[in-house]
Amino acid sequence: MPTALASLSRPARLALLSIALGLGLGGGLVALPALAANEAPVDIPFETFTLPNGLRVVVHTDRKAPIVAVNIWYHVGSKDEPAGRSGFAHLFEHLMFQRSEHHDGEFFDPFRAVGATDQNGTTNTDRTNYFQNVPTTALDMALWMESDRMGHLLGAIDQAALDEQRGVVQNEKRQGENQPYGQVWEKLTRALYPAEHPYGHSVIGSMNDLNAASLDDVKQWFHAWYGPNNAVLVLAGDIDAATAKDKVAKYFGHIPAGPTMAQPETDVGKRAATTREVMQDKVPQPRIYRVWNVPPAGSVELDRLQVLGYVLGGAKSSRLDTRLLHGEKLVDNISAMAGASQLGSNFYIVATVKDGVDPARVEAIIDEEIARLVAEGPTADELERARTMIRAGFIRGIERIGGFGGKADVLAECTVYEGDPGCFRDQLANVEAASARDLMAVGARWLAEGSHTIVVEPGERTALAEEPAGTPAPFDLPDPDPKYATTPSAVDRSLGVPKTTRFPELKFPSLQRANLKNGTRVILAERHEIPVVQVSYEFNGGYGSDPDGKDGVADFAMELLDEGAAGIGSLVFASRAEALGASLGAGASQDGGNAYLSALKENLDPSLALFADMVRRPNFDPAEIERVRATWIAGIRQQKAQPAGMAMRVLPALLYGQTHPYGAPGSGTEASIAALGRDDLLAFHRQWVRPEHATLIVVGDTTLAEIVPALERHFGDWAGEGVAPEAVDLPQVALPEAPRVFLIDQPGAVQANIFAAQVVPSTKDPGAVRLEMANGVIGGDFTARLNMNLREDKHWSYGARSSLGGALGQRRWMVSAPVQIDKTGESLAEIQRELAQFASGQRPPSEAEVERVRAIQTLSLPGAYETAWSVMNTIGGIVRFDRPDDYVFRRKAEVESITPAQVAEAARTFRPEALTWVVVGDLEQTEAPVRALGLGEVQVIDADGEPARPE
């Protein structure tokens, strides 16, 4: 299902992706850009064919893992919706995840049974896509399912299914608008385009249009847009073109083409006038959104605007960051980027203004920096850094065959918008060829007049005026195009979904080990698919090591490591990393910290040199400390403005007690961060960031013979100061004797966010895997009990989940469910009932449920380790929890042997009679129904966990 961002018109989710991965622009085959002598060539080879019914198919072979990405794009989005039918494309995306004529059940069910990964679907202004990675042996099942919903869906759509998914979509809409700044995107859409423009309404649609949708309307919509001649299917991974031709023809060839629907003409909607508005919201600080309408996907100008965006505000050393964040310190964050769409694109600048700063001052500086860049152009160094970062992002992205931004996504997007799967090559060439003069010209043309600015100021939220239901325009459906033909069906669909009886073997790279002279252990997992090397230096001393009164010091100190090192200032340090195409950073978790590097193989040694300076010799410059401190405190206030952020900040103390090492939020409090001095940061670094007992994890395109000497050069003479500290004592915490309910007021909220939590045994507990299986049954997956109840059955929520944290001490188990606010009491009662029946054995796990979770946790493993990053994270768990090198194989064997009775026994760990509940919502609407349930003592607290009123 779509995320809040995915249902927008290519918004800020693209900012960190390469131009090719995020945008899929360009057109026509061209040579790849010239490379420097040490640069590795990058490409996505492909083959194409088209079925007689018009289905276009693109095939890319990648044998690194026994999985295939199945990615299908329908060329229909919100731009194609007639008046009075806004939201239809997105609503239909949801309906396509329901049953089809030959599969009576959730679309997800067969995929969960074979361990599919990266499965989702999204809608935007221009297209609807569905994707999943499946084991190679399950490809027939995946193609059967996708072809059944393409060719055999309408007979399974009834009024009940429509009503159910309409309710889910409406809760998705409420969930997005309920967030701080959550009304902005709807307002921007209305301001940037006239109502009659295809982009003149939001992707998710209006409540009134959704309510007015009839079953006949929905079926007409399907007839119009979901034929094979309006789709592109990409198969990427462990497959070849010959196999793809046979299988695709077998499953899709019989589906008749639909009508040939006209695509709207390109209409950038360039605005002649610059406009602005100010709105109030319950936010902790002002935020500026400035947006221009700019050229469409496939234009050279848009590629150049993407490069300009990097120079202006797309990198840590960009001009806007340099002046507004580092120099005048007027903002806590700022970014600039181009996001592409088919008819016309958008260029965004978003700035979160420091509390107390006049937004007009920030707006004036943005104007000045744009004018200066357009008048003078970027420097040669700025231009080269932007090119390097774009190329590095592309290389990292194409490690993945599927999912958001993977190779299948790139090929599908290029095919749909440009008719050429290889259009990304044009993009890379355009980026490489862009000159300073080109950027000056494109900036002058498109970033002058015509922007719209929204300034969000702290204040009372006013509900968005809901658009009245439009008068439905009639569907004008042409007849199916006679040029398309079908082939006889080769599948007897009455036999049901093809059974997958064989599965690929789990493969995990062998772990090679060495030791540095400084006492650090080295673990290497070789991965040579892309020319990238990932490094993570794992240390002890996470949140749990924070001294009394210094909450947040671990995370704050680690965050500061890359803010300048070895006497090099923060901006120079960032620019050097960007010039190398390297990504560096550091952070902390409950039980440890890590510093990480992602380096292009061609620049590995200079990247390691920069990484070593960051780890060993951070500046902790007083000016940078104060800058980051101010932004950090602003971030805490942002957390306290978000429903989930409020809950996550108060739960540690409620579950563990304020004096427990896990009893404070990892980011600290406003007071604790304000009180930290440079000496505190130096002390943390001296105590915990040290080579003894540390581990360097390396995953990627290198060998032990190559990497160990390089690591010795940069780290071998590093030694810790003084005696290493002892491990943190983690006392056991008793469960409360009765349930407790804490209410946090969020005035005006249209949803209530329900959380229920308790502590459970450590990740290292012998029963940890059985407990994870029990969590999978109750709430760990889309098809688990809680989500099927609150979303699919009641449609009171966009999604309900349960999750287990990871910790050396007792870990947190938590249920979370955002629900429509008028169903707060009923939803809480349903969660309590589900948990009580499960934990007590009144409704024990069935064999089918256990088998489903077993499949999810084992059959998905061949695809779970597709990327170096996923391998590194798993090795990090091996290090942190002292697991054997073959842990992934041992865990798989244990999961395969677990019985329903063992899962039922593990479920008794969940104690509904000892839960801590936190409900965030409008108190006027939540308090009475929650108190009426009589679950336990009810207290009203604030976002700091303090009593908000006497009880």
Foldseek 3Di string as FASTA:
>chain_A
DDAPCLQEQLPDVCLQFFCLLSALFAFDDDDFDDDDPLDDDDAFDWDWDAFLQQFIEIETEDAPFQKKKKKKKFFDFLLPAFALQAQLVVLVLVLLQAAWPLGHGGLCQVQLLQQKPQFDWGGYLTIIMTMIMGGNLCVLLVLQSVQRSLFTHLVPDDPVSLVQSLLLLVQSLQQQCLAVVSCVSQVQLCPLAPCPGSSNGGRNGFNQSSVPDDSVNSVLVSLFIRFSSRMYIYMYYNDDPVVVVVSNQQNNQFGHGHADDDDDAQDLSFAPAEAEDEAEAQFDFKKKKKKGKAAAGHDLLQLLVQLVQCQQFSFCLHDLNVPCQQNPNFFLHWGWGWRHDQRITMIIIMTTGFPPHDVVVSVVVSVVSLVVCLVPFDDPLSLLLSLLLSVLSLLQQQLDCDHRSYLRSSQRSNCNRHVGSRRSSVSNNSSVPDDRNSSSVSSVVTVDGRMYMYMYGHDHHDDDDGDHRTDRDDDDTDGHDVSRDGDDHNDDSNVPRDDRDDFDDFDFFFWDWDAFLQAAIETEGEDEPTQKKKKKKKWWDALLNQDPLQAQLQFLLQQQLQQAFPPGGNSVLRSVCSSQSKDWGKGGDLTTIMIMMMGGNSRVLVSVQSSLRSLQTGPLDVSVLVSVLSSLQSVLSSLQSGQVSLCLQQVLCVAANCPFSSNGPRNHHNSSSVPDDSVSSVVSSLQMSFRHLMYMYMYYHDDPVPVRVSCCVRPNPTGHPDDHDDGRDGDDDDFDQFEEEEEAADAPRQKKKKKKKHWFFACLDPCNLLLVLLQQQQFADCPHDLNCVCNVPVSQFSGKGWDWDHDRGTTMIMIITIGGLLCQLVSVVVSLVSLVCDLVVVPFDDQSSLSSSLSNLASNSSVQPSHRVSSRVVVVCCSSNVHDSCVSVVSNVVSVPDDSVSSSNSSNSDDSRRMYMYMYYHCVRNVVSNVVVVRDHYFYAYSNNHGPDDD
